[in-house]
Protein backbone atom coordinates (compact mmCIF):
# COMPACT_ATOMS: atom_id res chain seq x y z
CA MET A 1 23.26 1.19 65.22
CA LYS A 2 24.04 -1.10 62.36
CA GLU A 3 21.12 -2.38 60.25
CA ASN A 4 20.84 -6.01 59.47
CA ILE A 5 21.29 -6.68 55.75
CA PHE A 6 18.31 -9.06 55.81
CA ASN A 7 15.89 -6.48 57.20
CA GLN A 8 16.17 -4.07 54.24
CA LYS A 9 13.08 -3.39 52.14
CA GLY A 10 13.08 -4.21 48.38
CA PHE A 11 11.90 -6.63 45.72
CA THR A 12 12.73 -10.29 45.74
CA LEU A 13 14.05 -12.07 42.68
CA ILE A 14 10.75 -13.94 42.34
CA GLU A 15 8.76 -10.68 42.31
CA ILE A 16 11.01 -9.24 39.63
CA MET A 17 10.72 -12.42 37.53
CA VAL A 18 6.90 -12.35 37.78
CA VAL A 19 6.83 -8.74 36.57
CA VAL A 20 9.19 -9.55 33.68
CA VAL A 21 7.00 -12.51 32.62
CA ILE A 22 3.84 -10.37 32.76
CA ILE A 23 5.49 -7.65 30.67
CA GLY A 24 6.62 -10.29 28.16
CA ILE A 25 3.09 -11.70 27.83
CA LEU A 26 1.61 -8.23 27.34
CA ALA A 27 4.27 -7.33 24.76
CA SER A 28 3.59 -10.50 22.75
CA LEU A 29 -0.16 -9.82 22.73
CA VAL A 30 0.39 -6.26 21.53
CA ALA A 31 2.92 -7.38 18.88
CA VAL A 32 0.51 -9.95 17.40
CA ASN A 33 -2.27 -7.37 17.13
CA VAL A 34 0.00 -4.66 15.70
CA VAL A 35 1.57 -6.91 13.04
CA GLY A 36 -1.87 -7.94 11.78
CA ARG A 37 -2.95 -4.32 11.64
CA ILE A 38 0.14 -3.27 9.70
CA ASP A 39 -0.59 -5.79 6.95
CA GLU A 40 -4.22 -4.72 6.80
CA ALA A 41 -3.21 -1.04 6.73
CA LYS A 42 -0.83 -1.65 3.81
CA ARG A 43 -3.57 -3.36 1.79
CA LYS A 44 -5.96 -0.47 2.50
CA ALA A 45 -3.26 2.06 1.59
CA ALA A 46 -2.73 0.31 -1.75
CA ARG A 47 -6.48 0.36 -2.38
CA ALA A 48 -6.62 4.08 -1.57
CA GLN A 49 -3.69 4.81 -3.88
CA ILE A 50 -5.33 2.87 -6.71
CA SER A 51 -8.50 4.91 -6.16
CA THR A 52 -6.43 8.09 -6.46
CA PHE A 53 -4.99 6.81 -9.74
CA GLU A 54 -8.52 6.06 -10.98
CA GLY A 55 -9.61 9.63 -10.29
CA ALA A 56 -6.56 11.00 -12.08
CA ILE A 57 -7.17 8.67 -15.04
CA ALA A 58 -10.77 9.91 -15.27
CA LEU A 59 -9.49 13.51 -15.49
CA TYR A 60 -6.89 12.45 -18.06
CA LYS A 61 -9.66 10.91 -20.16
CA LEU A 62 -11.75 14.11 -19.95
CA ASP A 63 -8.82 16.19 -21.20
CA SER A 64 -7.37 13.73 -23.69
CA GLY A 65 -10.33 11.82 -25.01
CA GLY A 66 -9.06 8.40 -23.91
CA TYR A 67 -7.20 6.43 -21.29
CA PRO A 68 -3.40 6.19 -21.21
CA GLU A 69 -2.06 3.29 -23.26
CA THR A 70 -0.16 0.46 -21.61
CA SER A 71 3.09 1.72 -23.14
CA GLN A 72 2.46 5.14 -21.56
CA GLY A 73 1.59 3.67 -18.17
CA LEU A 74 0.73 5.63 -15.08
CA GLU A 75 3.59 7.99 -15.95
CA ALA A 76 1.14 9.68 -18.35
CA LEU A 77 -0.48 11.12 -15.22
CA VAL A 78 2.65 13.06 -14.21
CA ALA A 79 4.40 13.81 -17.53
CA PRO A 80 3.17 14.19 -21.10
CA PRO A 81 3.45 10.84 -22.91
CA THR A 82 6.30 10.45 -25.38
CA VAL A 83 5.14 7.15 -26.92
CA GLY A 84 1.88 5.91 -28.36
CA MET A 85 -1.07 8.17 -29.12
CA MET A 86 -0.34 11.68 -27.88
CA PRO A 87 -3.11 13.34 -25.84
CA CYS A 88 -4.48 16.51 -27.40
CA CYS A 89 -4.98 18.48 -24.19
CA TRP A 90 -2.63 17.13 -21.52
CA LYS A 91 -2.96 19.27 -18.38
CA LYS A 92 0.17 21.22 -17.49
CA GLY A 93 1.38 20.01 -14.11
CA GLY A 94 -0.15 16.56 -14.53
CA TYR A 95 -3.01 14.82 -12.83
CA LEU A 96 -1.39 13.86 -9.53
CA GLN A 97 -0.15 16.18 -6.79
CA LYS A 98 3.38 14.79 -6.86
CA ASP A 99 5.59 14.67 -9.92
CA ARG A 100 6.16 10.93 -9.67
CA ILE A 101 4.16 7.73 -9.41
CA PRO A 102 4.51 6.36 -5.87
CA LEU A 103 5.42 2.75 -5.18
CA ASP A 104 2.91 0.48 -3.49
CA PRO A 105 3.21 0.01 0.30
CA TRP A 106 5.58 -2.95 -0.24
CA ARG A 107 7.92 -0.79 -2.39
CA HIS A 108 6.90 -2.37 -5.74
CA GLU A 109 5.68 -0.56 -8.82
CA TYR A 110 1.99 -0.60 -9.65
CA ILE A 111 1.07 -2.46 -12.83
CA TYR A 112 -1.00 -0.55 -15.38
CA ARG A 113 -2.70 -2.13 -18.37
CA GLY A 114 -4.44 0.27 -20.70
CA PRO A 115 -7.31 -0.22 -23.11
CA ASP A 116 -5.00 -1.65 -25.76
CA ILE A 117 -4.66 -4.93 -23.80
CA ALA A 118 -7.34 -4.80 -21.10
CA THR A 119 -10.26 -7.19 -21.37
CA MET A 120 -13.59 -6.20 -22.89
CA GLU A 121 -15.02 -5.96 -19.37
CA ARG A 122 -12.97 -2.89 -18.37
CA ASP A 123 -11.11 -0.02 -20.00
CA TYR A 124 -7.92 -0.37 -17.95
CA GLU A 125 -6.61 -2.05 -14.84
CA ILE A 126 -4.22 -1.08 -12.07
CA ILE A 127 -2.69 -3.82 -9.94
CA SER A 128 -0.50 -4.12 -6.87
CA TYR A 129 0.89 -7.63 -6.53
CA GLY A 130 0.85 -7.42 -2.72
CA ALA A 131 3.62 -8.22 -0.29
CA ASP A 132 5.38 -10.82 -2.44
CA GLY A 133 5.45 -8.63 -5.57
CA ALA A 134 4.36 -11.60 -7.73
CA PRO A 135 1.04 -12.27 -9.48
CA GLY A 136 -1.52 -14.28 -7.55
CA GLY A 137 -1.18 -15.27 -3.93
CA ASP A 138 -3.33 -15.43 -0.83
CA GLY A 139 -3.71 -13.26 2.24
CA ASN A 140 -1.09 -10.52 2.41
CA ASN A 141 0.40 -11.74 -0.89
CA ALA A 142 -2.91 -11.49 -2.77
CA ASP A 143 -3.15 -9.06 -5.69
CA ILE A 144 -5.05 -5.80 -5.22
CA GLU A 145 -6.82 -4.98 -8.48
CA SER A 146 -8.62 -1.79 -9.45
CA TRP A 147 -11.62 -3.73 -10.70
CA ASN A 148 -11.89 -6.20 -7.80
CA PHE A 149 -12.28 -4.63 -4.35
CA ASP A 150 -14.85 -7.03 -2.93
CA GLU A 151 -12.92 -7.61 0.27
CA TYR A 152 -13.02 -3.93 1.31
C-alpha cells in the first residue's frame, strides 16, 4: 500500500526555525561572556608576566649589585648587557627560563625604564600599553604598570 506523503513523520519548518533561533540566542550569550573573559585573561596574563620579570630583576640585582639600565632593557635578563654599566656577576643562562623576552598578550613589546630615568618613587618600571599599544587609555586599552596593580 502506498503511503500518503502528508502522513509522514518529521519536523515542520516552524519547528526547525524555532530551534535555529534558540541556538542563535544561546550562541550570542556565550560569545558575549567569552569575549569579556578573553580581555580580562589577557590583562591578567600581562600582570603575571610583569611579576615574573620583577622576580628575575630582583635576582639580577642580587648578582649584579643594581638594576638593569634603561639602555640594557629587559634583554639584560636573557643575555649579558653590551651597553651601559656591565654587571660583575651576570648569571650564565640568564634570569628567565626562555632565551628571549616574550611579547605582551597583544603582541607588543614590554616597556622597561631603569633606575637612570625612573622616578624617585621606584627603582624601575615595566609597562604593557594594553590592547592599543599606546600610552594611556581606558578599559582594555589601559596601561598595565609594574608599580600600579590596584585593579587586581
